[in-house]
Amino acid sequence: MTRKTANDFPPEVLGLFDKYVHGQISRRGFLDGAAKFAIGGLTAAGLLEALSPQFAHAQQVEPTDARLKTEWIEIAAPGYGKVRAYSARPADAKGKLPVVLVVHENRGLNPHIEDITRRVALDNFIAVAPDALFPLGGYPGDEDKARELFGQLDQAKTREDFVATADYLKKLPAGNGKLGVVGFCYGGGVANFLATRVPDLNAAVPFYGSGAAIEDVPRIKSPLLIQFAEKDDRINAAWPAYEAALKSAGIKYEAHLYPGTQHGFNNDTTPRYDEAAAKLAWQRTIAFFNQQLRA
């Protein structure tokens, strides 16, 4: 079966899906809005299913891949008391390695982000992905339930737990003392936030995430590699003010906008995935981490 892409869906349906994914409309709101675009035997529910993640289809690195050592770790943190995270590193690591903190979207640590964590590790990093939903039982195995749980988190506490996790990872015995962070959507916002709160962060790569609070931008010390989708008005609307603040504060940054792409273009579990853009963005990400974390 040919894999669907964003071009197979009306822009209005993609817009409704983005609102649904980010909690701006309910499932019923999506179905009602998409009903008028349900043609050719495809129902509104069918459109939603077609746009939803297919984790097994997109997995690139098996959880049991012999090239990696994976484990679950727990980290003491001030927000909810404890963070549970998925860790992956090369099984035959030689010497101390840079550490990359991987931050998920607004559904917690789902199989896609676990796979991303393994991909980072295969590029010779220690990769660690916390699950912000751990205080509520962890990722529930269902994206809708995960979104519902996510709305119950106290984000002030969650942010402090990410800060504590970053501090812990800077001091990992197997690490070389250098730490980078990469995050997607919600995680992109966390990456920008951590750049303002972790003075010795060495690199941050937010994918289509909310920018840091403008008043906090002067506190950023780490270089930024900022990845944007072109068709992402919700996120892109705030970029001019964020960029002006970065320039005013003299922050070192690169920003890339990928033509024709949708929010979530790096997520290869959904039709919004753009293979060419995702590959280029990922190459840039790994090259940036190699440059910033290995010197």
C-alpha atoms as a PDB file:
ATOM      1  CA  MET A   1       0.000   0.000   0.000  1.00  0.00           C
ATOM      2  CA  THR A   2       1.343   3.451  -0.966  1.00  0.00           C
ATOM      3  CA  ARG A   3       2.129   5.533   2.052  1.00  0.00           C
ATOM      4  CA  LYS A   4       0.059   8.729   2.282  1.00  0.00           C
ATOM      5  CA  THR A   5       1.695  12.127   2.553  1.00  0.00           C
ATOM      6  CA  ALA A   6       0.415  15.534   3.603  1.00  0.00           C
ATOM      7  CA  ASN A   7      -0.370  16.254  -0.060  1.00  0.00           C
ATOM      8  CA  ASP A   8      -3.072  13.567   0.060  1.00  0.00           C
ATOM      9  CA  PHE A   9      -5.140  15.642   2.512  1.00  0.00           C
ATOM     10  CA  PRO A  10      -6.927  18.971   2.077  1.00  0.00           C
ATOM     11  CA  PRO A  11      -5.090  21.796   3.894  1.00  0.00           C
ATOM     12  CA  GLU A  12      -8.218  22.382   5.972  1.00  0.00           C
ATOM     13  CA  VAL A  13      -8.072  18.818   7.299  1.00  0.00           C
ATOM     14  CA  LEU A  14      -4.384  19.203   8.141  1.00  0.00           C
ATOM     15  CA  GLY A  15      -5.241  22.391  10.008  1.00  0.00           C
ATOM     16  CA  LEU A  16      -7.992  20.652  11.948  1.00  0.00           C
ATOM     17  CA  PHE A  17      -5.632  17.798  12.804  1.00  0.00           C
ATOM     18  CA  ASP A  18      -3.002  20.227  14.110  1.00  0.00           C
ATOM     19  CA  LYS A  19      -5.619  21.870  16.331  1.00  0.00           C
ATOM     20  CA  TYR A  20      -6.789  18.463  17.547  1.00  0.00           C
ATOM     21  CA  VAL A  21      -3.278  17.235  18.311  1.00  0.00           C
ATOM     22  CA  HIS A  22      -2.553  20.370  20.328  1.00  0.00           C
ATOM     23  CA  GLY A  23      -5.777  20.321  22.314  1.00  0.00           C
ATOM     24  CA  GLN A  24      -7.417  23.298  20.637  1.00  0.00           C
ATOM     25  CA  ILE A  25     -10.396  21.216  19.490  1.00  0.00           C
ATOM     26  CA  SER A  26     -11.845  17.913  20.675  1.00  0.00           C
ATOM     27  CA  ARG A  27     -12.016  14.661  18.746  1.00  0.00           C
ATOM     28  CA  ARG A  28     -15.653  15.484  18.006  1.00  0.00           C
ATOM     29  CA  GLY A  29     -14.572  18.909  16.812  1.00  0.00           C
ATOM     30  CA  PHE A  30     -12.169  17.310  14.345  1.00  0.00           C
ATOM     31  CA  LEU A  31     -14.733  14.801  13.123  1.00  0.00           C
ATOM     32  CA  ASP A  32     -17.395  17.455  12.650  1.00  0.00           C
ATOM     33  CA  GLY A  33     -15.019  19.771  10.825  1.00  0.00           C
ATOM     34  CA  ALA A  34     -13.549  17.028   8.633  1.00  0.00           C
ATOM     35  CA  ALA A  35     -16.921  15.534   7.659  1.00  0.00           C
ATOM     36  CA  LYS A  36     -17.311  17.808   4.624  1.00  0.00           C
ATOM     37  CA  PHE A  37     -13.973  16.549   3.263  1.00  0.00           C
ATOM     38  CA  ALA A  38     -14.842  12.847   3.666  1.00  0.00           C
ATOM     39  CA  ILE A  39     -15.225  11.688   0.068  1.00  0.00           C
ATOM     40  CA  GLY A  40     -14.608   8.570  -1.937  1.00  0.00           C
ATOM     41  CA  GLY A  41     -15.800   6.268   0.826  1.00  0.00           C
ATOM     42  CA  LEU A  42     -13.416   7.735   3.408  1.00  0.00           C
ATOM     43  CA  THR A  43     -15.196   8.902   6.561  1.00  0.00           C
ATOM     44  CA  ALA A  44     -14.107  11.663   8.923  1.00  0.00           C
ATOM     45  CA  ALA A  45     -13.042   8.935  11.347  1.00  0.00           C
ATOM     46  CA  GLY A  46     -11.055   7.380   8.518  1.00  0.00           C
ATOM     47  CA  LEU A  47      -9.288  10.682   7.904  1.00  0.00           C
ATOM     48  CA  LEU A  48      -8.337  10.869  11.572  1.00  0.00           C
ATOM     49  CA  GLU A  49      -7.040   7.304  11.546  1.00  0.00           C
ATOM     50  CA  ALA A  50      -5.033   7.957   8.374  1.00  0.00           C
ATOM     51  CA  LEU A  51      -3.380  10.988   9.980  1.00  0.00           C
ATOM     52  CA  SER A  52      -2.637   9.287  13.298  1.00  0.00           C
ATOM     53  CA  PRO A  53       0.743   7.701  14.134  1.00  0.00           C
ATOM     54  CA  GLN A  54       1.718   4.258  12.865  1.00  0.00           C
ATOM     55  CA  PHE A  55       4.609   3.432  15.170  1.00  0.00           C
ATOM     56  CA  ALA A  56       5.537  -0.030  13.931  1.00  0.00           C
ATOM     57  CA  HIS A  57       5.594   1.093  10.309  1.00  0.00           C
ATOM     58  CA  ALA A  58       8.120   3.842  10.970  1.00  0.00           C
ATOM     59  CA  GLN A  59      10.464   2.186  13.468  1.00  0.00           C
ATOM     60  CA  GLN A  60      14.054   2.472  12.274  1.00  0.00           C
ATOM     61  CA  VAL A  61      15.993   0.891  15.145  1.00  0.00           C
ATOM     62  CA  GLU A  62      14.743  -2.221  16.915  1.00  0.00           C
ATOM     63  CA  PRO A  63      14.560  -2.007  20.724  1.00  0.00           C
ATOM     64  CA  THR A  64      16.721  -5.130  20.852  1.00  0.00           C
ATOM     65  CA  ASP A  65      19.358  -3.835  18.412  1.00  0.00           C
ATOM     66  CA  ALA A  66      22.631  -5.433  19.535  1.00  0.00           C
ATOM     67  CA  ARG A  67      24.584  -2.295  18.680  1.00  0.00           C
ATOM     68  CA  LEU A  68      22.988  -0.523  21.616  1.00  0.00           C
ATOM     69  CA  LYS A  69      22.654  -0.828  25.355  1.00  0.00           C
ATOM     70  CA  THR A  70      19.245   0.413  26.489  1.00  0.00           C
ATOM     71  CA  GLU A  71      17.791   0.736  29.966  1.00  0.00           C
ATOM     72  CA  TRP A  72      15.279   2.632  32.066  1.00  0.00           C
ATOM     73  CA  ILE A  73      16.694   4.978  34.670  1.00  0.00           C
ATOM     74  CA  GLU A  74      15.144   7.063  37.449  1.00  0.00           C
ATOM     75  CA  ILE A  75      16.336  10.532  38.419  1.00  0.00           C
ATOM     76  CA  ALA A  76      15.478  12.458  41.567  1.00  0.00           C
ATOM     77  CA  ALA A  77      13.816  15.763  40.709  1.00  0.00           C
ATOM     78  CA  PRO A  78      12.101  18.579  42.643  1.00  0.00           C
ATOM     79  CA  GLY A  79       8.882  18.884  40.628  1.00  0.00           C
ATOM     80  CA  TYR A  80       7.119  15.549  40.908  1.00  0.00           C
ATOM     81  CA  GLY A  81       9.879  13.894  42.937  1.00  0.00           C
ATOM     82  CA  LYS A  82      11.178  11.492  40.335  1.00  0.00           C
ATOM     83  CA  VAL A  83      11.784  11.291  36.593  1.00  0.00           C
ATOM     84  CA  ARG A  84      11.766   8.024  34.655  1.00  0.00           C
ATOM     85  CA  ALA A  85      13.736   8.037  31.427  1.00  0.00           C
ATOM     86  CA  TYR A  86      14.711   5.748  28.573  1.00  0.00           C
ATOM     87  CA  SER A  87      18.451   5.609  27.964  1.00  0.00           C
ATOM     88  CA  ALA A  88      20.383   4.313  24.962  1.00  0.00           C
ATOM     89  CA  ARG A  89      24.107   4.252  24.249  1.00  0.00           C
ATOM     90  CA  PRO A  90      26.474   2.377  21.926  1.00  0.00           C
ATOM     91  CA  ALA A  91      27.140  -1.095  23.263  1.00  0.00           C
ATOM     92  CA  ASP A  92      30.832  -0.874  22.347  1.00  0.00           C
ATOM     93  CA  ALA A  93      31.414   2.717  23.466  1.00  0.00           C
ATOM     94  CA  LYS A  94      35.063   3.689  23.735  1.00  0.00           C
ATOM     95  CA  GLY A  95      35.737   6.345  26.339  1.00  0.00           C
ATOM     96  CA  LYS A  96      33.357   9.025  27.541  1.00  0.00           C
ATOM     97  CA  LEU A  97      30.605  10.201  25.201  1.00  0.00           C
ATOM     98  CA  PRO A  98      28.549  13.380  24.811  1.00  0.00           C
ATOM     99  CA  VAL A  99      25.023  13.214  26.205  1.00  0.00           C
ATOM    100  CA  VAL A 100      21.844  14.263  24.385  1.00  0.00           C
ATOM    101  CA  LEU A 101      18.571  14.875  26.203  1.00  0.00           C
ATOM    102  CA  VAL A 102      15.632  13.963  23.938  1.00  0.00           C
ATOM    103  CA  VAL A 103      12.300  15.647  24.681  1.00  0.00           C
ATOM    104  CA  HIS A 104       9.041  14.235  23.359  1.00  0.00           C
ATOM    105  CA  GLU A 105       5.948  15.879  21.925  1.00  0.00           C
ATOM    106  CA  ASN A 106       2.803  16.498  23.972  1.00  0.00           C
ATOM    107  CA  ARG A 107       1.963  12.810  24.316  1.00  0.00           C
ATOM    108  CA  GLY A 108       4.754  11.643  26.555  1.00  0.00           C
ATOM    109  CA  LEU A 109       7.433   9.092  25.758  1.00  0.00           C
ATOM    110  CA  ASN A 110       5.772   7.119  22.977  1.00  0.00           C
ATOM    111  CA  PRO A 111       7.439   4.459  20.767  1.00  0.00           C
ATOM    112  CA  HIS A 112       8.436   7.054  18.170  1.00  0.00           C
ATOM    113  CA  ILE A 113      10.511   9.069  20.637  1.00  0.00           C
ATOM    114  CA  GLU A 114      12.051   5.881  22.011  1.00  0.00           C
ATOM    115  CA  ASP A 115      13.086   5.131  18.422  1.00  0.00           C
ATOM    116  CA  ILE A 116      14.484   8.666  18.006  1.00  0.00           C
ATOM    117  CA  THR A 117      16.507   8.089  21.189  1.00  0.00           C
ATOM    118  CA  ARG A 118      18.023   4.932  19.716  1.00  0.00           C
ATOM    119  CA  ARG A 119      18.806   6.777  16.476  1.00  0.00           C
ATOM    120  CA  VAL A 120      20.731   9.430  18.421  1.00  0.00           C
ATOM    121  CA  ALA A 121      22.649   6.742  20.291  1.00  0.00           C
ATOM    122  CA  LEU A 122      23.697   5.055  17.051  1.00  0.00           C
ATOM    123  CA  ASP A 123      25.488   8.281  16.143  1.00  0.00           C
ATOM    124  CA  ASN A 124      27.770   7.661  19.142  1.00  0.00           C
ATOM    125  CA  PHE A 125      25.986   9.604  21.853  1.00  0.00           C
ATOM    126  CA  ILE A 126      24.429   8.698  25.173  1.00  0.00           C
ATOM    127  CA  ALA A 127      20.771   9.570  24.559  1.00  0.00           C
ATOM    128  CA  VAL A 128      18.261   9.948  27.382  1.00  0.00           C
ATOM    129  CA  ALA A 129      14.524  10.581  26.952  1.00  0.00           C
ATOM    130  CA  PRO A 130      12.428  11.362  30.052  1.00  0.00           C
ATOM    131  CA  ASP A 131       8.700  10.681  30.161  1.00  0.00           C
ATOM    132  CA  ALA A 132       6.892  13.751  31.489  1.00  0.00           C
ATOM    133  CA  LEU A 133       3.836  11.549  32.045  1.00  0.00           C
ATOM    134  CA  PHE A 134       5.634   9.318  34.558  1.00  0.00           C
ATOM    135  CA  PRO A 135       3.948  11.020  37.570  1.00  0.00           C
ATOM    136  CA  LEU A 136       0.584  10.063  36.037  1.00  0.00           C
ATOM    137  CA  GLY A 137       1.556   6.480  35.260  1.00  0.00           C
ATOM    138  CA  GLY A 138       3.654   7.051  32.161  1.00  0.00           C
ATOM    139  CA  TYR A 139       2.790   6.961  28.491  1.00  0.00           C
ATOM    140  CA  PRO A 140      -0.477   4.978  28.380  1.00  0.00           C
ATOM    141  CA  GLY A 141      -0.033   3.319  24.996  1.00  0.00           C
ATOM    142  CA  ASP A 142      -2.797   5.406  23.420  1.00  0.00           C
ATOM    143  CA  GLU A 143      -2.215   8.838  21.864  1.00  0.00           C
ATOM    144  CA  ASP A 144      -5.638  10.240  22.795  1.00  0.00           C
ATOM    145  CA  LYS A 145      -5.308   9.137  26.397  1.00  0.00           C
ATOM    146  CA  ALA A 146      -1.770  10.510  26.450  1.00  0.00           C
ATOM    147  CA  ARG A 147      -2.965  13.952  25.336  1.00  0.00           C
ATOM    148  CA  GLU A 148      -5.660  13.914  28.007  1.00  0.00           C
ATOM    149  CA  LEU A 149      -3.124  13.011  30.693  1.00  0.00           C
ATOM    150  CA  PHE A 150      -0.721  15.656  29.450  1.00  0.00           C
ATOM    151  CA  GLY A 151      -3.263  18.352  30.170  1.00  0.00           C
ATOM    152  CA  GLN A 152      -3.316  17.245  33.813  1.00  0.00           C
ATOM    153  CA  LEU A 153       0.369  17.942  34.404  1.00  0.00           C
ATOM    154  CA  ASP A 154       1.516  20.934  36.408  1.00  0.00           C
ATOM    155  CA  GLN A 155       3.875  22.327  33.778  1.00  0.00           C
ATOM    156  CA  ALA A 156       5.798  24.397  36.309  1.00  0.00           C
ATOM    157  CA  LYS A 157       6.730  21.175  38.094  1.00  0.00           C
ATOM    158  CA  THR A 158       7.418  19.392  34.810  1.00  0.00           C
ATOM    159  CA  ARG A 159       9.813  22.122  33.685  1.00  0.00           C
ATOM    160  CA  GLU A 160      11.731  21.892  36.953  1.00  0.00           C
ATOM    161  CA  ASP A 161      12.039  18.147  36.438  1.00  0.00           C
ATOM    162  CA  PHE A 162      13.549  18.728  32.987  1.00  0.00           C
ATOM    163  CA  VAL A 163      16.039  21.171  34.508  1.00  0.00           C
ATOM    164  CA  ALA A 164      16.968  18.605  37.173  1.00  0.00           C
ATOM    165  CA  THR A 165      17.345  15.936  34.483  1.00  0.00           C
ATOM    166  CA  ALA A 166      19.692  18.166  32.495  1.00  0.00           C
ATOM    167  CA  ASP A 167      21.798  18.825  35.593  1.00  0.00           C
ATOM    168  CA  TYR A 168      21.957  15.084  36.291  1.00  0.00           C
ATOM    169  CA  LEU A 169      22.995  14.265  32.727  1.00  0.00           C
ATOM    170  CA  LYS A 170      25.808  16.831  32.741  1.00  0.00           C
ATOM    171  CA  LYS A 171      27.398  14.783  35.509  1.00  0.00           C
ATOM    172  CA  LEU A 172      26.903  11.275  34.104  1.00  0.00           C
ATOM    173  CA  PRO A 173      30.062   9.244  34.827  1.00  0.00           C
ATOM    174  CA  ALA A 174      30.018   7.841  31.284  1.00  0.00           C
ATOM    175  CA  GLY A 175      29.493  11.305  29.785  1.00  0.00           C
ATOM    176  CA  ASN A 176      32.200  13.695  28.629  1.00  0.00           C
ATOM    177  CA  GLY A 177      30.630  16.620  30.483  1.00  0.00           C
ATOM    178  CA  LYS A 178      28.960  18.040  27.354  1.00  0.00           C
ATOM    179  CA  LEU A 179      25.161  18.098  27.039  1.00  0.00           C
ATOM    180  CA  GLY A 180      22.846  18.849  24.157  1.00  0.00           C
ATOM    181  CA  VAL A 181      19.060  18.800  23.963  1.00  0.00           C
ATOM    182  CA  VAL A 182      16.774  18.059  21.027  1.00  0.00           C
ATOM    183  CA  GLY A 183      13.006  18.370  21.283  1.00  0.00           C
ATOM    184  CA  PHE A 184       9.989  18.169  19.037  1.00  0.00           C
ATOM    185  CA  CYS A 185       6.876  20.379  19.205  1.00  0.00           C
ATOM    186  CA  TYR A 186       6.273  20.535  22.986  1.00  0.00           C
ATOM    187  CA  GLY A 187       9.825  19.233  23.333  1.00  0.00           C
ATOM    188  CA  GLY A 188      11.080  22.001  21.078  1.00  0.00           C
ATOM    189  CA  GLY A 189       9.613  24.478  23.518  1.00  0.00           C
ATOM    190  CA  VAL A 190      11.353  22.637  26.349  1.00  0.00           C
ATOM    191  CA  ALA A 191      14.659  22.820  24.445  1.00  0.00           C
ATOM    192  CA  ASN A 192      14.286  26.594  24.126  1.00  0.00           C
ATOM    193  CA  PHE A 193      13.332  26.833  27.806  1.00  0.00           C
ATOM    194  CA  LEU A 194      16.282  24.741  28.968  1.00  0.00           C
ATOM    195  CA  ALA A 195      18.637  27.024  27.070  1.00  0.00           C
ATOM    196  CA  THR A 196      17.492  29.818  29.421  1.00  0.00           C
ATOM    197  CA  ARG A 197      17.706  27.738  32.599  1.00  0.00           C
ATOM    198  CA  VAL A 198      20.804  25.549  32.208  1.00  0.00           C
ATOM    199  CA  PRO A 199      23.813  27.886  31.972  1.00  0.00           C
ATOM    200  CA  ASP A 200      26.211  25.106  31.014  1.00  0.00           C
ATOM    201  CA  LEU A 201      24.028  23.572  28.318  1.00  0.00           C
ATOM    202  CA  ASN A 202      26.240  23.141  25.258  1.00  0.00           C
ATOM    203  CA  ALA A 203      23.717  22.905  22.406  1.00  0.00           C
ATOM    204  CA  ALA A 204      19.955  23.058  21.857  1.00  0.00           C
ATOM    205  CA  VAL A 205      17.975  21.927  18.805  1.00  0.00           C
ATOM    206  CA  PRO A 206      14.267  22.789  18.947  1.00  0.00           C
ATOM    207  CA  PHE A 207      12.113  21.330  16.169  1.00  0.00           C
ATOM    208  CA  TYR A 208       9.013  23.491  15.551  1.00  0.00           C
ATOM    209  CA  GLY A 209       8.709  24.444  19.211  1.00  0.00           C
ATOM    210  CA  SER A 210       7.617  27.551  21.058  1.00  0.00           C
ATOM    211  CA  GLY A 211      10.389  30.045  21.662  1.00  0.00           C
ATOM    212  CA  ALA A 212      11.720  30.924  25.074  1.00  0.00           C
ATOM    213  CA  ALA A 213      10.130  33.771  27.002  1.00  0.00           C
ATOM    214  CA  ILE A 214      11.501  36.980  25.469  1.00  0.00           C
ATOM    215  CA  GLU A 215      12.577  38.376  28.837  1.00  0.00           C
ATOM    216  CA  ASP A 216      14.651  35.218  29.474  1.00  0.00           C
ATOM    217  CA  VAL A 217      16.540  35.229  26.156  1.00  0.00           C
ATOM    218  CA  PRO A 218      19.575  37.141  27.527  1.00  0.00           C
ATOM    219  CA  ARG A 219      20.199  34.214  29.882  1.00  0.00           C
ATOM    220  CA  ILE A 220      20.864  31.815  26.977  1.00  0.00           C
ATOM    221  CA  LYS A 221      24.490  30.653  26.813  1.00  0.00           C
ATOM    222  CA  SER A 222      24.299  27.684  24.435  1.00  0.00           C
ATOM    223  CA  PRO A 223      24.208  27.928  20.638  1.00  0.00           C
ATOM    224  CA  LEU A 224      20.846  27.098  19.057  1.00  0.00           C
ATOM    225  CA  LEU A 225      19.912  25.208  15.892  1.00  0.00           C
ATOM    226  CA  ILE A 226      16.248  26.043  15.287  1.00  0.00           C
ATOM    227  CA  GLN A 227      14.179  23.954  12.845  1.00  0.00           C
ATOM    228  CA  PHE A 228      10.895  25.240  11.405  1.00  0.00           C
ATOM    229  CA  ALA A 229       8.181  23.891   9.126  1.00  0.00           C
ATOM    230  CA  GLU A 230       7.001  26.348   6.494  1.00  0.00           C
ATOM    231  CA  LYS A 231       3.280  25.612   6.892  1.00  0.00           C
ATOM    232  CA  ASP A 232       3.167  26.093  10.652  1.00  0.00           C
ATOM    233  CA  ASP A 233       1.540  29.450  11.306  1.00  0.00           C
ATOM    234  CA  ARG A 234       0.918  28.699  14.991  1.00  0.00           C
ATOM    235  CA  ILE A 235       4.638  28.355  15.788  1.00  0.00           C
ATOM    236  CA  ASN A 236       6.078  30.648  13.135  1.00  0.00           C
ATOM    237  CA  ALA A 237       4.003  33.664  14.193  1.00  0.00           C
ATOM    238  CA  ALA A 238       6.203  34.101  17.278  1.00  0.00           C
ATOM    239  CA  TRP A 239       9.526  33.738  15.455  1.00  0.00           C
ATOM    240  CA  PRO A 240      10.138  37.390  14.443  1.00  0.00           C
ATOM    241  CA  ALA A 241       9.997  38.569  18.056  1.00  0.00           C
ATOM    242  CA  TYR A 242      12.107  35.624  19.257  1.00  0.00           C
ATOM    243  CA  GLU A 243      14.717  36.179  16.540  1.00  0.00           C
ATOM    244  CA  ALA A 244      14.896  39.894  17.343  1.00  0.00           C
ATOM    245  CA  ALA A 245      15.520  39.051  20.997  1.00  0.00           C
ATOM    246  CA  LEU A 246      18.236  36.524  20.068  1.00  0.00           C
ATOM    247  CA  LYS A 247      19.971  39.101  17.886  1.00  0.00           C
ATOM    248  CA  SER A 248      19.669  41.810  20.518  1.00  0.00           C
ATOM    249  CA  ALA A 249      21.211  39.532  23.153  1.00  0.00           C
ATOM    250  CA  GLY A 250      23.993  38.361  20.819  1.00  0.00           C
ATOM    251  CA  ILE A 251      22.977  34.701  21.024  1.00  0.00           C
ATOM    252  CA  LYS A 252      24.630  32.347  18.550  1.00  0.00           C
ATOM    253  CA  TYR A 253      21.928  30.637  16.513  1.00  0.00           C
ATOM    254  CA  GLU A 254      21.058  29.089  13.165  1.00  0.00           C
ATOM    255  CA  ALA A 255      17.477  28.878  11.920  1.00  0.00           C
ATOM    256  CA  HIS A 256      16.244  26.736   9.047  1.00  0.00           C
ATOM    257  CA  LEU A 257      12.790  26.762   7.471  1.00  0.00           C
ATOM    258  CA  TYR A 258      11.943  23.708   5.347  1.00  0.00           C
ATOM    259  CA  PRO A 259       9.808  24.657   2.312  1.00  0.00           C
ATOM    260  CA  GLY A 260       6.437  23.028   1.893  1.00  0.00           C
ATOM    261  CA  THR A 261       6.566  21.163   5.210  1.00  0.00           C
ATOM    262  CA  GLN A 262       3.941  20.758   7.899  1.00  0.00           C
ATOM    263  CA  HIS A 263       4.376  20.982  11.657  1.00  0.00           C
ATOM    264  CA  GLY A 264       5.707  17.572  12.688  1.00  0.00           C
ATOM    265  CA  PHE A 265       7.571  16.948   9.433  1.00  0.00           C
ATOM    266  CA  ASN A 266      10.299  14.965  11.223  1.00  0.00           C
ATOM    267  CA  ASN A 267       7.805  12.501  12.719  1.00  0.00           C
ATOM    268  CA  ASP A 268       7.865   9.578  10.303  1.00  0.00           C
ATOM    269  CA  THR A 269       4.878   7.866  11.922  1.00  0.00           C
ATOM    270  CA  THR A 270       2.331  10.221  10.302  1.00  0.00           C
ATOM    271  CA  PRO A 271       1.565  11.546   6.792  1.00  0.00           C
ATOM    272  CA  ARG A 272       2.864  14.977   7.791  1.00  0.00           C
ATOM    273  CA  TYR A 273       6.357  13.451   7.560  1.00  0.00           C
ATOM    274  CA  ASP A 274       8.521  14.926   4.811  1.00  0.00           C
ATOM    275  CA  GLU A 275      11.355  12.528   4.057  1.00  0.00           C
ATOM    276  CA  ALA A 276      13.717  14.952   2.310  1.00  0.00           C
ATOM    277  CA  ALA A 277      13.280  17.702   4.900  1.00  0.00           C
ATOM    278  CA  ALA A 278      13.534  15.278   7.812  1.00  0.00           C
ATOM    279  CA  LYS A 279      16.768  13.787   6.501  1.00  0.00           C
ATOM    280  CA  LEU A 280      18.332  17.203   5.977  1.00  0.00           C
ATOM    281  CA  ALA A 281      17.177  18.467   9.376  1.00  0.00           C
ATOM    282  CA  TRP A 282      18.531  15.338  11.058  1.00  0.00           C
ATOM    283  CA  GLN A 283      21.881  15.604   9.279  1.00  0.00           C
ATOM    284  CA  ARG A 284      22.140  19.178  10.475  1.00  0.00           C
ATOM    285  CA  THR A 285      21.178  18.150  13.999  1.00  0.00           C
ATOM    286  CA  ILE A 286      23.821  15.437  14.305  1.00  0.00           C
ATOM    287  CA  ALA A 287      26.486  17.622  12.696  1.00  0.00           C
ATOM    288  CA  PHE A 288      25.630  20.412  15.148  1.00  0.00           C
ATOM    289  CA  PHE A 289      25.906  18.067  18.122  1.00  0.00           C
ATOM    290  CA  ASN A 290      29.197  16.670  16.831  1.00  0.00           C
ATOM    291  CA  GLN A 291      30.560  20.198  16.499  1.00  0.00           C
ATOM    292  CA  GLN A 292      29.312  21.493  19.854  1.00  0.00           C
ATOM    293  CA  LEU A 293      29.644  18.428  22.078  1.00  0.00           C
ATOM    294  CA  ARG A 294      32.898  16.783  21.026  1.00  0.00           C
ATOM    295  CA  ALA A 295      35.362  19.686  20.950  1.00  0.00           C
END
